[in-house]
């Protein structure tokens, strides 16, 4: 049976790609929440039943900007914690110099 799903616009494909990359197969509700829209709007776009409007594109851009900033903060925190924990287990340097024959 032929697929009757209309082809998605580049912007709609981008929306779906972002959603799946960030949230997996159940991406529509969390992305909609982040964008401040109802999940049914994203479902209709993903199904090809609704166009991707400029307003929705702006919401997606705003979400991505905010999400990127949050991820950068999380990465900085993880890097600090990793360094702190590695520094705690690093062996103490031997300040007496090399010891031969012991």
N, C-alpha and C. Protein backbone atom coordinates (compact mmCIF):
# COMPACT_ATOMS: atom_id res chain seq x y z
N UNK A 1 0.85 -1.17 0.00
CA UNK A 1 0.00 0.00 0.00
C UNK A 1 0.90 1.25 0.00
N UNK A 2 0.70 2.17 -0.89
CA UNK A 2 1.56 3.36 -0.96
C UNK A 2 1.38 4.25 0.27
N UNK A 3 2.49 4.88 0.62
CA UNK A 3 2.48 5.82 1.76
C UNK A 3 1.81 7.11 1.32
N UNK A 4 0.79 7.55 2.05
CA UNK A 4 0.06 8.76 1.69
C UNK A 4 0.49 9.96 2.53
N UNK A 5 1.56 9.78 3.31
CA UNK A 5 2.05 10.88 4.13
C UNK A 5 2.66 11.93 3.21
N UNK A 6 2.21 13.18 3.34
CA UNK A 6 2.80 14.22 2.49
C UNK A 6 4.27 14.45 2.87
N UNK A 7 5.08 14.83 1.89
CA UNK A 7 6.49 15.09 2.21
C UNK A 7 6.59 16.28 3.17
N UNK A 8 7.54 16.20 4.07
CA UNK A 8 7.74 17.28 5.04
C UNK A 8 8.62 18.36 4.44
N UNK A 9 8.35 19.58 4.83
CA UNK A 9 9.19 20.70 4.42
C UNK A 9 10.55 20.57 5.13
N UNK A 10 11.57 21.26 4.64
CA UNK A 10 12.85 21.22 5.32
C UNK A 10 12.75 21.66 6.80
N UNK A 11 11.94 22.67 7.07
CA UNK A 11 11.79 23.13 8.46
C UNK A 11 11.10 22.07 9.33
N UNK A 12 10.10 21.39 8.77
CA UNK A 12 9.42 20.33 9.52
C UNK A 12 10.37 19.17 9.77
N UNK A 13 11.19 18.82 8.76
CA UNK A 13 12.20 17.76 8.96
C UNK A 13 13.19 18.17 10.04
N UNK A 14 13.57 19.43 10.05
CA UNK A 14 14.49 19.92 11.07
C UNK A 14 13.86 19.78 12.46
N UNK A 15 12.59 20.15 12.59
CA UNK A 15 11.88 20.03 13.87
C UNK A 15 11.91 18.58 14.35
N UNK A 16 11.56 17.65 13.47
CA UNK A 16 11.53 16.23 13.83
C UNK A 16 12.93 15.75 14.20
N UNK A 17 13.93 16.14 13.43
CA UNK A 17 15.31 15.73 13.70
C UNK A 17 15.78 16.23 15.06
N UNK A 18 15.51 17.49 15.36
CA UNK A 18 15.88 18.05 16.67
C UNK A 18 15.16 17.30 17.78
N UNK A 19 13.87 17.09 17.60
CA UNK A 19 13.09 16.41 18.62
C UNK A 19 13.61 15.03 18.94
N UNK A 20 13.86 14.24 17.91
CA UNK A 20 14.35 12.87 18.11
C UNK A 20 15.75 12.88 18.71
N UNK A 21 16.61 13.78 18.23
CA UNK A 21 17.99 13.83 18.74
C UNK A 21 18.03 14.16 20.23
N UNK A 22 17.15 15.05 20.66
CA UNK A 22 17.18 15.48 22.07
C UNK A 22 16.35 14.60 22.99
N UNK A 23 15.24 14.06 22.49
CA UNK A 23 14.29 13.39 23.38
C UNK A 23 13.93 11.96 22.98
N UNK A 24 14.47 11.46 21.87
CA UNK A 24 14.16 10.10 21.45
C UNK A 24 12.81 10.00 20.76
N UNK A 25 12.31 8.78 20.68
CA UNK A 25 11.09 8.52 19.93
C UNK A 25 9.86 9.22 20.50
N UNK A 26 9.86 9.54 21.77
CA UNK A 26 8.70 10.21 22.39
C UNK A 26 9.03 11.71 22.57
N UNK A 27 9.44 12.33 21.49
CA UNK A 27 9.98 13.68 21.51
C UNK A 27 8.94 14.78 21.53
N UNK A 28 7.73 14.53 21.08
CA UNK A 28 6.79 15.62 20.82
C UNK A 28 6.38 16.37 22.08
N UNK A 29 6.03 15.68 23.13
CA UNK A 29 5.60 16.38 24.35
C UNK A 29 6.73 17.17 25.01
N UNK A 30 7.93 16.58 25.21
CA UNK A 30 8.97 17.40 25.84
C UNK A 30 9.42 18.59 24.99
N UNK A 31 9.48 18.39 23.67
CA UNK A 31 9.87 19.52 22.81
C UNK A 31 8.78 20.58 22.81
N UNK A 32 7.53 20.16 22.75
CA UNK A 32 6.42 21.12 22.78
C UNK A 32 6.47 21.92 24.08
N UNK A 33 6.72 21.24 25.20
CA UNK A 33 6.81 21.94 26.49
C UNK A 33 7.95 22.97 26.45
N UNK A 34 9.08 22.58 25.92
CA UNK A 34 10.22 23.50 25.82
C UNK A 34 9.96 24.67 24.90
N UNK A 35 9.17 24.44 23.86
CA UNK A 35 8.85 25.50 22.90
C UNK A 35 7.66 26.34 23.34
N UNK A 36 6.91 25.86 24.34
CA UNK A 36 5.73 26.60 24.79
C UNK A 36 4.54 26.45 23.86
N UNK A 37 4.42 25.28 23.22
CA UNK A 37 3.29 25.02 22.33
C UNK A 37 2.62 23.72 22.75
N UNK A 38 1.46 23.44 22.20
CA UNK A 38 0.77 22.20 22.52
C UNK A 38 1.36 21.05 21.70
N UNK A 39 1.47 19.87 22.30
CA UNK A 39 2.04 18.74 21.57
C UNK A 39 1.32 18.41 20.27
N UNK A 40 0.02 18.63 20.23
CA UNK A 40 -0.72 18.30 19.00
C UNK A 40 -0.22 19.11 17.80
N UNK A 41 0.26 20.32 18.05
CA UNK A 41 0.80 21.13 16.94
C UNK A 41 2.01 20.43 16.33
N UNK A 42 2.89 19.90 17.19
CA UNK A 42 4.07 19.21 16.67
C UNK A 42 3.71 17.89 16.02
N UNK A 43 2.72 17.20 16.59
CA UNK A 43 2.26 15.94 15.98
C UNK A 43 1.74 16.18 14.57
N UNK A 44 0.97 17.24 14.41
CA UNK A 44 0.41 17.54 13.09
C UNK A 44 1.50 17.93 12.10
N UNK A 45 2.50 18.65 12.56
CA UNK A 45 3.61 19.01 11.67
C UNK A 45 4.37 17.75 11.27
N UNK A 46 4.66 16.88 12.25
CA UNK A 46 5.41 15.65 11.97
C UNK A 46 4.65 14.73 11.02
N UNK A 47 3.32 14.79 11.05
CA UNK A 47 2.50 13.97 10.16
C UNK A 47 2.31 14.61 8.79
N UNK A 48 2.77 15.85 8.64
CA UNK A 48 2.59 16.55 7.37
C UNK A 48 1.22 17.18 7.22
N UNK A 49 0.48 17.28 8.34
CA UNK A 49 -0.88 17.82 8.29
C UNK A 49 -0.94 19.31 8.60
N UNK A 50 0.17 19.89 8.98
CA UNK A 50 0.21 21.31 9.33
C UNK A 50 1.56 21.86 8.90
N UNK A 51 1.58 23.06 8.36
CA UNK A 51 2.87 23.63 7.96
C UNK A 51 3.65 24.13 9.17
N UNK A 52 4.94 24.21 9.00
CA UNK A 52 5.82 24.78 10.02
C UNK A 52 5.80 26.29 9.81
N UNK A 53 5.17 27.01 10.73
CA UNK A 53 5.02 28.46 10.58
C UNK A 53 6.27 29.18 11.07
N UNK A 54 6.38 30.44 10.71
CA UNK A 54 7.51 31.25 11.18
C UNK A 54 7.47 31.38 12.71
N UNK A 55 6.26 31.48 13.27
CA UNK A 55 6.14 31.55 14.72
C UNK A 55 6.68 30.31 15.41
N UNK A 56 6.39 29.14 14.84
CA UNK A 56 6.92 27.90 15.40
C UNK A 56 8.43 27.79 15.21
N UNK A 57 8.91 28.28 14.08
CA UNK A 57 10.37 28.29 13.86
C UNK A 57 11.04 29.18 14.90
N UNK A 58 10.45 30.32 15.19
CA UNK A 58 11.00 31.21 16.21
C UNK A 58 11.00 30.53 17.58
N UNK A 59 9.92 29.82 17.89
CA UNK A 59 9.86 29.09 19.16
C UNK A 59 10.94 28.02 19.22
N UNK A 60 11.18 27.33 18.11
CA UNK A 60 12.23 26.32 18.06
C UNK A 60 13.60 26.95 18.23
N UNK A 61 13.84 28.06 17.55
CA UNK A 61 15.14 28.75 17.71
C UNK A 61 15.36 29.20 19.15
N UNK A 62 14.32 29.76 19.76
CA UNK A 62 14.43 30.20 21.15
C UNK A 62 14.70 29.02 22.08
N UNK A 63 13.98 27.92 21.85
CA UNK A 63 14.21 26.72 22.66
C UNK A 63 15.65 26.26 22.52
N UNK A 64 16.15 26.18 21.29
CA UNK A 64 17.52 25.70 21.07
C UNK A 64 18.55 26.61 21.73
N UNK A 65 18.33 27.91 21.68
CA UNK A 65 19.25 28.85 22.33
C UNK A 65 19.28 28.61 23.83
N UNK A 66 18.11 28.49 24.43
CA UNK A 66 18.02 28.24 25.87
C UNK A 66 18.60 26.89 26.23
N UNK A 67 18.28 25.87 25.44
CA UNK A 67 18.77 24.52 25.71
C UNK A 67 20.29 24.46 25.61
N UNK A 68 20.84 25.13 24.62
CA UNK A 68 22.30 25.17 24.47
C UNK A 68 22.94 25.79 25.70
N UNK A 69 22.40 26.89 26.19
CA UNK A 69 22.95 27.54 27.38
C UNK A 69 22.89 26.61 28.58
N UNK A 70 21.78 25.90 28.74
CA UNK A 70 21.65 24.95 29.85
C UNK A 70 22.66 23.81 29.73
N UNK A 71 22.84 23.30 28.52
CA UNK A 71 23.81 22.23 28.31
C UNK A 71 25.23 22.70 28.59
N UNK A 72 25.55 23.92 28.19
CA UNK A 72 26.89 24.46 28.48
C UNK A 72 27.13 24.57 29.98
N UNK A 73 26.12 25.01 30.72
CA UNK A 73 26.25 25.09 32.18
C UNK A 73 26.41 23.70 32.78
N UNK A 74 25.65 22.75 32.30
CA UNK A 74 25.77 21.37 32.80
C UNK A 74 27.15 20.80 32.48
N UNK A 75 27.64 21.05 31.28
CA UNK A 75 28.97 20.55 30.90
C UNK A 75 30.05 21.17 31.78
N UNK A 76 29.96 22.47 32.03
CA UNK A 76 30.95 23.13 32.89
C UNK A 76 30.92 22.51 34.29
N UNK A 77 29.73 22.23 34.80
CA UNK A 77 29.61 21.61 36.12
C UNK A 77 30.24 20.21 36.12
N UNK A 78 29.93 19.40 35.11
CA UNK A 78 30.49 18.05 35.03
C UNK A 78 32.01 18.10 34.95
N UNK A 79 32.53 19.02 34.16
CA UNK A 79 33.99 19.14 34.03
C UNK A 79 34.63 19.54 35.37
N UNK A 80 34.00 20.49 36.09
CA UNK A 80 34.53 20.88 37.41
C UNK A 80 34.51 19.71 38.38
N UNK A 81 33.40 19.00 38.42
CA UNK A 81 33.28 17.86 39.34
C UNK A 81 34.28 16.77 38.98
N UNK A 82 34.44 16.50 37.71
CA UNK A 82 35.38 15.49 37.26
C UNK A 82 36.80 15.85 37.67
N UNK A 83 37.19 17.10 37.45
CA UNK A 83 38.53 17.55 37.83
C UNK A 83 38.72 17.47 39.33
N UNK A 84 37.72 17.94 40.07
CA UNK A 84 37.81 17.91 41.53
C UNK A 84 37.99 16.48 42.04
N UNK A 85 37.22 15.56 41.51
CA UNK A 85 37.30 14.18 41.96
C UNK A 85 38.60 13.52 41.53
N UNK A 86 39.07 13.82 40.34
CA UNK A 86 40.35 13.26 39.89
C UNK A 86 41.51 13.82 40.72
N UNK A 87 41.42 15.11 41.04
CA UNK A 87 42.48 15.72 41.87
C UNK A 87 42.53 15.09 43.25
N UNK A 88 41.39 14.67 43.78
CA UNK A 88 41.35 14.04 45.10
C UNK A 88 42.04 12.69 45.12
N UNK A 89 42.04 11.98 44.01
CA UNK A 89 42.64 10.65 44.00
C UNK A 89 44.03 10.63 43.36
N UNK A 90 44.49 11.78 42.90
CA UNK A 90 45.82 11.84 42.29
C UNK A 90 46.87 11.56 43.36
N UNK A 91 47.90 10.79 43.03
CA UNK A 91 48.95 10.52 44.03
C UNK A 91 49.69 11.80 44.39
N UNK A 92 50.10 11.85 45.64
CA UNK A 92 50.88 13.00 46.10
C UNK A 92 52.22 13.01 45.37
N UNK A 93 52.66 14.17 44.91
CA UNK A 93 53.97 14.22 44.24
C UNK A 93 55.07 13.95 45.26
N UNK A 94 56.10 13.28 44.81
CA UNK A 94 57.25 12.96 45.66
C UNK A 94 58.21 14.14 45.59
N UNK A 95 58.26 14.93 46.66
CA UNK A 95 59.06 16.15 46.65
C UNK A 95 60.52 15.90 47.00
N UNK A 96 60.87 14.67 47.37
CA UNK A 96 62.26 14.37 47.74
C UNK A 96 63.11 14.02 46.52
N UNK A 97 62.53 14.02 45.37
CA UNK A 97 63.27 13.65 44.17
C UNK A 97 63.24 12.15 43.98
N UNK A 98 63.87 11.69 42.94
CA UNK A 98 63.85 10.25 42.65
C UNK A 98 64.63 9.47 43.71
N UNK A 99 64.16 8.28 43.99
CA UNK A 99 64.83 7.40 44.94
C UNK A 99 65.33 6.18 44.17
N UNK A 100 66.62 6.00 44.21
CA UNK A 100 67.21 4.87 43.50
C UNK A 100 67.66 3.83 44.50
N UNK A 101 67.51 2.60 44.17
CA UNK A 101 68.05 1.50 44.97
C UNK A 101 67.24 1.20 46.22
N UNK A 102 66.07 1.65 46.36
CA UNK A 102 65.29 1.33 47.57
C UNK A 102 64.23 0.33 47.27
